[in-house]
Amino acid sequence: MTLSPYYLVLALLLPLFAAPSMAEQSYLQPKLKFCVEDTEFPPFNYFKRIDGAKGQSSGYDIDLLKLVFEPSGIQYEVIALPWRRCLKEVSEGIIDGVMSASLSPQRAKDYLHSDAYYYLNPSYFYLRSDFPDGLEIQALSELETHGNICGIKGFNYINFGWVNLTRLYEINEIAHLPTMLQKKRCRFFLARKETLAGTLALNHLYRFERLLGRSTVPNLKPEPFHMLISRKSSSAELINKLFNEKVKQLTLSGELEKLLDHHLHELRLNAKNND
């Protein structure tokens, strides 16, 4: 049977309207951009040291992004920026997402957010010489009666129970917080205990391990951390879907816990090799 010219043209055009394959979708997908804190948040993101100098970005966040997007053939890049700039450029749609962010009511409004993919313990630190018997409190606000409190610019401390940021002495780098106590600029600083330990190791600040006292903030649950995703990103829903699915899968298989243990080991090894 001979096809009429009409059906012949239709047969030739049909492939053009077929759904693109996964490979074609990946090719059409714009290259994604993700941002991490440039002053480091180990073991979640940090720079490998080579002869003491900072090298490429490494960490739990970096490997997790690889596990999420590489199987789908989606191209992406990770850049390290000051925290406030990270948040600003994600909000503006210049960057698609930022890793290792805690939530606040304002952030929940400004960004889409992934499911939580790890939890940390909000803590307060002080010099043991200032409080030889330790310092136990019922609420974080009690610290103000003893002296100034330090924190990091742009960090969210609402989950610590601290809402009055105007009374927080803010600096730029986590590694400098212990020095602020020695210089008497502050009597306390706020930090997540897990990331501070990694920061001290990376920066060879071992002396502070015996000088610092620490307590977790009372009456608080561990603090969840998320990826914040730009509401202006054309890939926002795709990013959130793929990320949440992979985190759930890796959690159920136990691989996410193994990934964290791997980077805790790498962090200790990295610090030891550069001593």
C-alpha atoms as a PDB file:
ATOM      1  CA  MET A   1       0.000   0.000   0.000  1.00  0.00           C
ATOM      2  CA  THR A   2       1.333   3.405  -0.953  1.00  0.00           C
ATOM      3  CA  LEU A   3       1.140   6.125   1.725  1.00  0.00           C
ATOM      4  CA  SER A   4      -0.430   9.418   0.742  1.00  0.00           C
ATOM      5  CA  PRO A   5       1.849  12.458   0.900  1.00  0.00           C
ATOM      6  CA  TYR A   6      -0.033  13.597   4.072  1.00  0.00           C
ATOM      7  CA  TYR A   7       0.677  10.374   6.002  1.00  0.00           C
ATOM      8  CA  LEU A   8       4.232  10.259   4.699  1.00  0.00           C
ATOM      9  CA  VAL A   9       4.945  13.743   6.114  1.00  0.00           C
ATOM     10  CA  LEU A  10       3.237  12.779   9.418  1.00  0.00           C
ATOM     11  CA  ALA A  11       5.375   9.629   9.710  1.00  0.00           C
ATOM     12  CA  LEU A  12       8.523  11.686   9.213  1.00  0.00           C
ATOM     13  CA  LEU A  13       7.510  14.281  11.821  1.00  0.00           C
ATOM     14  CA  LEU A  14       6.404  11.899  14.597  1.00  0.00           C
ATOM     15  CA  PRO A  15       9.934  11.183  15.902  1.00  0.00           C
ATOM     16  CA  LEU A  16      10.417  14.904  16.452  1.00  0.00           C
ATOM     17  CA  PHE A  17       7.576  14.931  19.000  1.00  0.00           C
ATOM     18  CA  ALA A  18       8.609  11.778  20.842  1.00  0.00           C
ATOM     19  CA  ALA A  19       9.577  12.143  24.515  1.00  0.00           C
ATOM     20  CA  PRO A  20      13.331  12.710  24.880  1.00  0.00           C
ATOM     21  CA  SER A  21      15.384   9.854  26.289  1.00  0.00           C
ATOM     22  CA  MET A  22      17.154  10.165  29.672  1.00  0.00           C
ATOM     23  CA  ALA A  23      20.419  10.931  27.872  1.00  0.00           C
ATOM     24  CA  GLU A  24      18.701  13.639  25.808  1.00  0.00           C
ATOM     25  CA  GLN A  25      17.063  15.083  28.936  1.00  0.00           C
ATOM     26  CA  SER A  26      20.468  15.239  30.652  1.00  0.00           C
ATOM     27  CA  TYR A  27      21.908  17.004  27.630  1.00  0.00           C
ATOM     28  CA  LEU A  28      19.086  19.531  27.614  1.00  0.00           C
ATOM     29  CA  GLN A  29      19.300  20.102  31.394  1.00  0.00           C
ATOM     30  CA  PRO A  30      21.215  23.303  32.254  1.00  0.00           C
ATOM     31  CA  LYS A  31      24.390  22.796  34.301  1.00  0.00           C
ATOM     32  CA  LEU A  32      23.475  23.099  37.972  1.00  0.00           C
ATOM     33  CA  LYS A  33      25.401  25.156  40.525  1.00  0.00           C
ATOM     34  CA  PHE A  34      25.685  24.344  44.215  1.00  0.00           C
ATOM     35  CA  CYS A  35      27.397  26.349  46.895  1.00  0.00           C
ATOM     36  CA  VAL A  36      29.229  25.477  50.136  1.00  0.00           C
ATOM     37  CA  GLU A  37      30.676  27.616  52.928  1.00  0.00           C
ATOM     38  CA  ASP A  38      34.208  28.745  52.015  1.00  0.00           C
ATOM     39  CA  THR A  39      35.423  28.880  55.617  1.00  0.00           C
ATOM     40  CA  GLU A  40      34.647  25.142  55.901  1.00  0.00           C
ATOM     41  CA  PHE A  41      32.079  23.130  57.815  1.00  0.00           C
ATOM     42  CA  PRO A  42      33.851  19.798  58.366  1.00  0.00           C
ATOM     43  CA  PRO A  43      33.218  16.917  57.852  1.00  0.00           C
ATOM     44  CA  PHE A  44      30.404  18.115  55.565  1.00  0.00           C
ATOM     45  CA  ASN A  45      32.525  20.392  53.427  1.00  0.00           C
ATOM     46  CA  TYR A  46      36.181  21.319  53.758  1.00  0.00           C
ATOM     47  CA  PHE A  47      39.328  21.677  51.668  1.00  0.00           C
ATOM     48  CA  LYS A  48      41.857  18.893  51.429  1.00  0.00           C
ATOM     49  CA  ARG A  49      45.288  20.051  52.540  1.00  0.00           C
ATOM     50  CA  ILE A  50      48.360  19.549  50.346  1.00  0.00           C
ATOM     51  CA  ASP A  51      51.574  20.451  52.193  1.00  0.00           C
ATOM     52  CA  GLY A  52      49.447  22.641  54.444  1.00  0.00           C
ATOM     53  CA  ALA A  53      47.819  24.537  51.565  1.00  0.00           C
ATOM     54  CA  LYS A  54      44.099  24.270  50.815  1.00  0.00           C
ATOM     55  CA  GLY A  55      43.311  22.076  47.825  1.00  0.00           C
ATOM     56  CA  GLN A  56      40.048  20.942  46.276  1.00  0.00           C
ATOM     57  CA  SER A  57      36.701  20.877  48.057  1.00  0.00           C
ATOM     58  CA  SER A  58      35.935  17.619  49.796  1.00  0.00           C
ATOM     59  CA  GLY A  59      33.481  16.211  52.304  1.00  0.00           C
ATOM     60  CA  TYR A  60      30.165  14.505  52.892  1.00  0.00           C
ATOM     61  CA  ASP A  61      28.205  17.167  50.963  1.00  0.00           C
ATOM     62  CA  ILE A  62      30.484  16.956  47.938  1.00  0.00           C
ATOM     63  CA  ASP A  63      30.204  13.167  47.716  1.00  0.00           C
ATOM     64  CA  LEU A  64      26.455  13.218  48.320  1.00  0.00           C
ATOM     65  CA  LEU A  65      25.893  15.575  45.382  1.00  0.00           C
ATOM     66  CA  LYS A  66      27.920  13.203  43.214  1.00  0.00           C
ATOM     67  CA  LEU A  67      25.760  10.253  44.291  1.00  0.00           C
ATOM     68  CA  VAL A  68      22.562  12.209  43.564  1.00  0.00           C
ATOM     69  CA  PHE A  69      23.294  13.704  40.145  1.00  0.00           C
ATOM     70  CA  GLU A  70      25.963  11.653  38.352  1.00  0.00           C
ATOM     71  CA  PRO A  71      23.750   8.544  37.871  1.00  0.00           C
ATOM     72  CA  SER A  72      21.229  10.746  36.022  1.00  0.00           C
ATOM     73  CA  GLY A  73      23.923  12.273  33.829  1.00  0.00           C
ATOM     74  CA  ILE A  74      23.100  15.746  35.134  1.00  0.00           C
ATOM     75  CA  GLN A  75      26.026  18.146  34.997  1.00  0.00           C
ATOM     76  CA  TYR A  76      26.725  20.318  38.027  1.00  0.00           C
ATOM     77  CA  GLU A  77      29.505  22.218  39.763  1.00  0.00           C
ATOM     78  CA  VAL A  78      30.228  23.033  43.399  1.00  0.00           C
ATOM     79  CA  ILE A  79      31.641  26.418  44.354  1.00  0.00           C
ATOM     80  CA  ALA A  80      32.829  27.681  47.750  1.00  0.00           C
ATOM     81  CA  LEU A  81      31.727  31.191  48.745  1.00  0.00           C
ATOM     82  CA  PRO A  82      31.286  33.257  51.919  1.00  0.00           C
ATOM     83  CA  TRP A  83      28.099  32.053  53.617  1.00  0.00           C
ATOM     84  CA  ARG A  84      26.082  35.261  53.203  1.00  0.00           C
ATOM     85  CA  ARG A  85      26.966  35.450  49.513  1.00  0.00           C
ATOM     86  CA  CYS A  86      25.962  31.787  49.095  1.00  0.00           C
ATOM     87  CA  LEU A  87      22.522  32.475  50.513  1.00  0.00           C
ATOM     88  CA  LYS A  88      22.097  35.692  48.528  1.00  0.00           C
ATOM     89  CA  GLU A  89      22.992  34.122  45.169  1.00  0.00           C
ATOM     90  CA  VAL A  90      20.723  31.132  45.788  1.00  0.00           C
ATOM     91  CA  SER A  91      17.895  33.511  46.677  1.00  0.00           C
ATOM     92  CA  GLU A  92      18.508  35.437  43.436  1.00  0.00           C
ATOM     93  CA  GLY A  93      18.625  32.285  41.303  1.00  0.00           C
ATOM     94  CA  ILE A  94      22.291  32.700  40.334  1.00  0.00           C
ATOM     95  CA  ILE A  95      23.053  29.447  42.167  1.00  0.00           C
ATOM     96  CA  ASP A  96      20.596  26.534  42.336  1.00  0.00           C
ATOM     97  CA  GLY A  97      21.203  25.347  45.882  1.00  0.00           C
ATOM     98  CA  VAL A  98      23.298  25.636  49.035  1.00  0.00           C
ATOM     99  CA  MET A  99      24.344  22.679  51.160  1.00  0.00           C
ATOM    100  CA  SER A 100      24.404  22.208  54.938  1.00  0.00           C
ATOM    101  CA  ALA A 101      21.861  24.855  55.927  1.00  0.00           C
ATOM    102  CA  SER A 102      19.720  24.909  59.029  1.00  0.00           C
ATOM    103  CA  LEU A 103      16.156  26.192  58.802  1.00  0.00           C
ATOM    104  CA  SER A 104      14.478  29.279  60.189  1.00  0.00           C
ATOM    105  CA  PRO A 105      10.983  30.605  59.454  1.00  0.00           C
ATOM    106  CA  GLN A 106      12.470  33.201  57.087  1.00  0.00           C
ATOM    107  CA  ARG A 107      14.585  30.650  55.224  1.00  0.00           C
ATOM    108  CA  ALA A 108      11.589  28.340  54.860  1.00  0.00           C
ATOM    109  CA  LYS A 109       9.808  31.256  53.202  1.00  0.00           C
ATOM    110  CA  ASP A 110      12.718  32.358  50.987  1.00  0.00           C
ATOM    111  CA  TYR A 111      13.855  28.941  49.727  1.00  0.00           C
ATOM    112  CA  LEU A 112      12.617  25.470  48.952  1.00  0.00           C
ATOM    113  CA  HIS A 113      14.291  23.019  51.288  1.00  0.00           C
ATOM    114  CA  SER A 114      15.136  19.343  51.023  1.00  0.00           C
ATOM    115  CA  ASP A 115      14.366  16.778  53.664  1.00  0.00           C
ATOM    116  CA  ALA A 116      16.877  16.804  56.516  1.00  0.00           C
ATOM    117  CA  TYR A 117      19.941  14.737  55.681  1.00  0.00           C
ATOM    118  CA  TYR A 118      21.888  14.997  58.962  1.00  0.00           C
ATOM    119  CA  TYR A 119      21.551  16.399  62.495  1.00  0.00           C
ATOM    120  CA  LEU A 120      23.925  18.348  64.779  1.00  0.00           C
ATOM    121  CA  ASN A 121      23.959  19.398  68.423  1.00  0.00           C
ATOM    122  CA  PRO A 122      23.818  23.161  69.210  1.00  0.00           C
ATOM    123  CA  SER A 123      26.375  23.867  71.936  1.00  0.00           C
ATOM    124  CA  TYR A 124      28.029  26.707  73.822  1.00  0.00           C
ATOM    125  CA  PHE A 125      31.756  26.882  74.562  1.00  0.00           C
ATOM    126  CA  TYR A 126      33.892  28.681  77.155  1.00  0.00           C
ATOM    127  CA  LEU A 127      37.393  28.581  78.607  1.00  0.00           C
ATOM    128  CA  ARG A 128      37.734  26.001  81.388  1.00  0.00           C
ATOM    129  CA  SER A 129      39.852  28.530  83.290  1.00  0.00           C
ATOM    130  CA  ASP A 130      36.831  30.868  83.441  1.00  0.00           C
ATOM    131  CA  PHE A 131      34.502  28.149  84.744  1.00  0.00           C
ATOM    132  CA  PRO A 132      36.594  25.402  86.422  1.00  0.00           C
ATOM    133  CA  ASP A 133      33.437  23.650  87.643  1.00  0.00           C
ATOM    134  CA  GLY A 134      31.673  23.961  84.284  1.00  0.00           C
ATOM    135  CA  LEU A 135      28.588  26.032  83.581  1.00  0.00           C
ATOM    136  CA  GLU A 136      25.152  24.480  83.388  1.00  0.00           C
ATOM    137  CA  ILE A 137      22.215  26.670  82.358  1.00  0.00           C
ATOM    138  CA  GLN A 138      18.480  26.221  81.849  1.00  0.00           C
ATOM    139  CA  ALA A 139      18.208  28.606  78.881  1.00  0.00           C
ATOM    140  CA  LEU A 140      20.751  30.122  76.508  1.00  0.00           C
ATOM    141  CA  SER A 141      19.750  33.655  77.510  1.00  0.00           C
ATOM    142  CA  GLU A 142      21.397  33.036  80.896  1.00  0.00           C
ATOM    143  CA  LEU A 143      24.830  33.256  79.257  1.00  0.00           C
ATOM    144  CA  GLU A 144      24.402  36.997  78.810  1.00  0.00           C
ATOM    145  CA  THR A 145      24.576  37.493  82.555  1.00  0.00           C
ATOM    146  CA  HIS A 146      28.160  36.180  82.467  1.00  0.00           C
ATOM    147  CA  GLY A 147      29.561  38.010  79.412  1.00  0.00           C
ATOM    148  CA  ASN A 148      29.547  38.566  75.647  1.00  0.00           C
ATOM    149  CA  ILE A 149      28.694  35.777  73.201  1.00  0.00           C
ATOM    150  CA  CYS A 150      30.366  35.229  69.818  1.00  0.00           C
ATOM    151  CA  GLY A 151      28.981  33.655  66.635  1.00  0.00           C
ATOM    152  CA  ILE A 152      29.499  33.587  62.875  1.00  0.00           C
ATOM    153  CA  LYS A 153      28.113  36.194  60.473  1.00  0.00           C
ATOM    154  CA  GLY A 154      25.113  34.939  58.532  1.00  0.00           C
ATOM    155  CA  PHE A 155      24.688  31.740  60.583  1.00  0.00           C
ATOM    156  CA  ASN A 156      21.257  30.785  61.881  1.00  0.00           C
ATOM    157  CA  TYR A 157      21.111  30.531  65.685  1.00  0.00           C
ATOM    158  CA  ILE A 158      17.347  30.340  66.063  1.00  0.00           C
ATOM    159  CA  ASN A 159      17.638  26.576  66.562  1.00  0.00           C
ATOM    160  CA  PHE A 160      19.972  27.276  69.496  1.00  0.00           C
ATOM    161  CA  GLY A 161      17.157  29.180  71.162  1.00  0.00           C
ATOM    162  CA  TRP A 162      18.955  32.467  70.430  1.00  0.00           C
ATOM    163  CA  VAL A 163      16.802  35.016  68.609  1.00  0.00           C
ATOM    164  CA  ASN A 164      18.390  38.377  69.455  1.00  0.00           C
ATOM    165  CA  LEU A 165      21.223  38.486  66.934  1.00  0.00           C
ATOM    166  CA  THR A 166      21.955  42.164  67.636  1.00  0.00           C
ATOM    167  CA  ARG A 167      23.516  41.048  70.910  1.00  0.00           C
ATOM    168  CA  LEU A 168      25.764  38.459  69.261  1.00  0.00           C
ATOM    169  CA  TYR A 169      29.350  39.479  68.498  1.00  0.00           C
ATOM    170  CA  GLU A 170      29.759  38.165  64.946  1.00  0.00           C
ATOM    171  CA  ILE A 171      33.010  37.198  63.223  1.00  0.00           C
ATOM    172  CA  ASN A 172      33.786  35.583  59.855  1.00  0.00           C
ATOM    173  CA  GLU A 173      35.487  32.237  60.563  1.00  0.00           C
ATOM    174  CA  ILE A 174      34.670  29.321  62.850  1.00  0.00           C
ATOM    175  CA  ALA A 175      38.387  28.637  63.395  1.00  0.00           C
ATOM    176  CA  HIS A 176      38.801  32.063  65.048  1.00  0.00           C
ATOM    177  CA  LEU A 177      36.077  31.572  67.661  1.00  0.00           C
ATOM    178  CA  PRO A 178      38.337  30.013  70.349  1.00  0.00           C
ATOM    179  CA  THR A 179      40.855  32.849  69.929  1.00  0.00           C
ATOM    180  CA  MET A 180      38.077  35.360  70.650  1.00  0.00           C
ATOM    181  CA  LEU A 181      37.764  33.815  74.108  1.00  0.00           C
ATOM    182  CA  GLN A 182      41.500  34.088  74.754  1.00  0.00           C
ATOM    183  CA  LYS A 183      41.479  37.731  73.648  1.00  0.00           C
ATOM    184  CA  LYS A 184      38.548  38.378  76.015  1.00  0.00           C
ATOM    185  CA  ARG A 185      36.391  39.677  73.161  1.00  0.00           C
ATOM    186  CA  CYS A 186      33.783  37.126  74.214  1.00  0.00           C
ATOM    187  CA  ARG A 187      33.268  34.852  77.168  1.00  0.00           C
ATOM    188  CA  PHE A 188      31.299  32.274  75.165  1.00  0.00           C
ATOM    189  CA  PHE A 189      30.743  31.248  71.584  1.00  0.00           C
ATOM    190  CA  LEU A 190      27.994  29.244  69.906  1.00  0.00           C
ATOM    191  CA  ALA A 191      28.828  26.329  67.597  1.00  0.00           C
ATOM    192  CA  ARG A 192      27.717  22.846  66.608  1.00  0.00           C
ATOM    193  CA  LYS A 193      29.999  20.518  68.566  1.00  0.00           C
ATOM    194  CA  GLU A 194      30.542  18.077  65.674  1.00  0.00           C
ATOM    195  CA  THR A 195      31.771  20.688  63.195  1.00  0.00           C
ATOM    196  CA  LEU A 196      33.931  22.557  65.718  1.00  0.00           C
ATOM    197  CA  ALA A 197      35.922  19.385  66.454  1.00  0.00           C
ATOM    198  CA  GLY A 198      36.693  19.009  62.744  1.00  0.00           C
ATOM    199  CA  THR A 199      37.587  22.682  62.432  1.00  0.00           C
ATOM    200  CA  LEU A 200      40.100  22.473  65.287  1.00  0.00           C
ATOM    201  CA  ALA A 201      41.709  19.391  63.711  1.00  0.00           C
ATOM    202  CA  LEU A 202      41.958  20.921  60.217  1.00  0.00           C
ATOM    203  CA  ASN A 203      43.553  24.093  61.545  1.00  0.00           C
ATOM    204  CA  HIS A 204      45.923  22.355  64.003  1.00  0.00           C
ATOM    205  CA  LEU A 205      44.295  24.056  66.979  1.00  0.00           C
ATOM    206  CA  TYR A 206      44.683  21.017  69.195  1.00  0.00           C
ATOM    207  CA  ARG A 207      45.585  23.111  72.248  1.00  0.00           C
ATOM    208  CA  PHE A 208      41.975  24.245  72.471  1.00  0.00           C
ATOM    209  CA  GLU A 209      40.747  20.698  73.000  1.00  0.00           C
ATOM    210  CA  ARG A 210      41.975  20.890  76.606  1.00  0.00           C
ATOM    211  CA  LEU A 211      41.327  24.607  77.076  1.00  0.00           C
ATOM    212  CA  LEU A 212      37.670  24.633  76.042  1.00  0.00           C
ATOM    213  CA  GLY A 213      34.676  23.577  78.082  1.00  0.00           C
ATOM    214  CA  ARG A 214      31.439  22.708  76.299  1.00  0.00           C
ATOM    215  CA  SER A 215      27.803  21.942  76.995  1.00  0.00           C
ATOM    216  CA  THR A 216      24.935  21.248  74.625  1.00  0.00           C
ATOM    217  CA  VAL A 217      22.165  23.831  74.800  1.00  0.00           C
ATOM    218  CA  PRO A 218      19.540  22.426  77.205  1.00  0.00           C
ATOM    219  CA  ASN A 219      16.067  21.286  76.208  1.00  0.00           C
ATOM    220  CA  LEU A 220      16.807  21.127  72.479  1.00  0.00           C
ATOM    221  CA  LYS A 221      16.580  18.290  69.998  1.00  0.00           C
ATOM    222  CA  PRO A 222      19.448  17.756  67.520  1.00  0.00           C
ATOM    223  CA  GLU A 223      19.278  20.358  64.760  1.00  0.00           C
ATOM    224  CA  PRO A 224      18.329  19.173  61.237  1.00  0.00           C
ATOM    225  CA  PHE A 225      20.312  20.336  58.199  1.00  0.00           C
ATOM    226  CA  HIS A 226      19.016  20.656  54.635  1.00  0.00           C
ATOM    227  CA  MET A 227      19.845  21.729  51.131  1.00  0.00           C
ATOM    228  CA  LEU A 228      18.236  25.119  50.441  1.00  0.00           C
ATOM    229  CA  ILE A 229      17.060  25.370  46.832  1.00  0.00           C
ATOM    230  CA  SER A 230      16.421  28.555  44.879  1.00  0.00           C
ATOM    231  CA  ARG A 231      12.752  29.202  44.164  1.00  0.00           C
ATOM    232  CA  LYS A 232      13.961  30.916  40.970  1.00  0.00           C
ATOM    233  CA  SER A 233      15.807  27.843  39.674  1.00  0.00           C
ATOM    234  CA  SER A 234      14.168  26.237  36.641  1.00  0.00           C
ATOM    235  CA  SER A 235      15.350  22.892  38.063  1.00  0.00           C
ATOM    236  CA  ALA A 236      14.120  23.408  41.639  1.00  0.00           C
ATOM    237  CA  GLU A 237      11.544  20.606  41.698  1.00  0.00           C
ATOM    238  CA  LEU A 238      13.865  18.161  39.930  1.00  0.00           C
ATOM    239  CA  ILE A 239      16.708  18.905  42.356  1.00  0.00           C
ATOM    240  CA  ASN A 240      14.471  18.433  45.388  1.00  0.00           C
ATOM    241  CA  LYS A 241      12.958  15.195  44.062  1.00  0.00           C
ATOM    242  CA  LEU A 242      16.272  13.557  43.112  1.00  0.00           C
ATOM    243  CA  PHE A 243      17.996  14.680  46.319  1.00  0.00           C
ATOM    244  CA  ASN A 244      15.258  13.461  48.671  1.00  0.00           C
ATOM    245  CA  GLU A 245      14.925  10.132  46.873  1.00  0.00           C
ATOM    246  CA  LYS A 246      18.665   9.449  47.039  1.00  0.00           C
ATOM    247  CA  VAL A 247      18.955  10.508  50.698  1.00  0.00           C
ATOM    248  CA  LYS A 248      16.089   8.174  51.625  1.00  0.00           C
ATOM    249  CA  GLN A 249      17.661   5.315  49.661  1.00  0.00           C
ATOM    250  CA  LEU A 250      21.129   5.831  51.185  1.00  0.00           C
ATOM    251  CA  THR A 251      19.698   6.151  54.695  1.00  0.00           C
ATOM    252  CA  LEU A 252      17.754   2.875  54.440  1.00  0.00           C
ATOM    253  CA  SER A 253      20.799   1.037  53.063  1.00  0.00           C
ATOM    254  CA  GLY A 254      23.127   2.429  55.743  1.00  0.00           C
ATOM    255  CA  GLU A 255      25.356   4.019  53.081  1.00  0.00           C
ATOM    256  CA  LEU A 256      24.764   7.563  54.313  1.00  0.00           C
ATOM    257  CA  GLU A 257      26.131   6.701  57.753  1.00  0.00           C
ATOM    258  CA  LYS A 258      29.131   4.997  56.144  1.00  0.00           C
ATOM    259  CA  LEU A 259      29.761   8.114  54.043  1.00  0.00           C
ATOM    260  CA  LEU A 260      29.860  10.269  57.169  1.00  0.00           C
ATOM    261  CA  ASP A 261      32.204   7.833  58.942  1.00  0.00           C
ATOM    262  CA  HIS A 262      34.468   7.867  55.874  1.00  0.00           C
ATOM    263  CA  HIS A 263      34.843  11.643  56.015  1.00  0.00           C
ATOM    264  CA  LEU A 264      35.415  11.689  59.760  1.00  0.00           C
ATOM    265  CA  HIS A 265      38.284   9.246  59.122  1.00  0.00           C
ATOM    266  CA  GLU A 266      39.554  11.321  56.170  1.00  0.00           C
ATOM    267  CA  LEU A 267      39.483  14.438  58.327  1.00  0.00           C
ATOM    268  CA  ARG A 268      41.608  12.833  61.042  1.00  0.00           C
ATOM    269  CA  LEU A 269      44.001  11.432  58.432  1.00  0.00           C
ATOM    270  CA  ASN A 270      44.215  14.767  56.602  1.00  0.00           C
ATOM    271  CA  ALA A 271      45.076  16.586  59.827  1.00  0.00           C
ATOM    272  CA  LYS A 272      47.635  13.949  60.881  1.00  0.00           C
ATOM    273  CA  ASN A 273      49.424  13.989  57.493  1.00  0.00           C
ATOM    274  CA  ASN A 274      49.771  17.762  57.624  1.00  0.00           C
ATOM    275  CA  ASP A 275      51.060  18.012  61.203  1.00  0.00           C
END
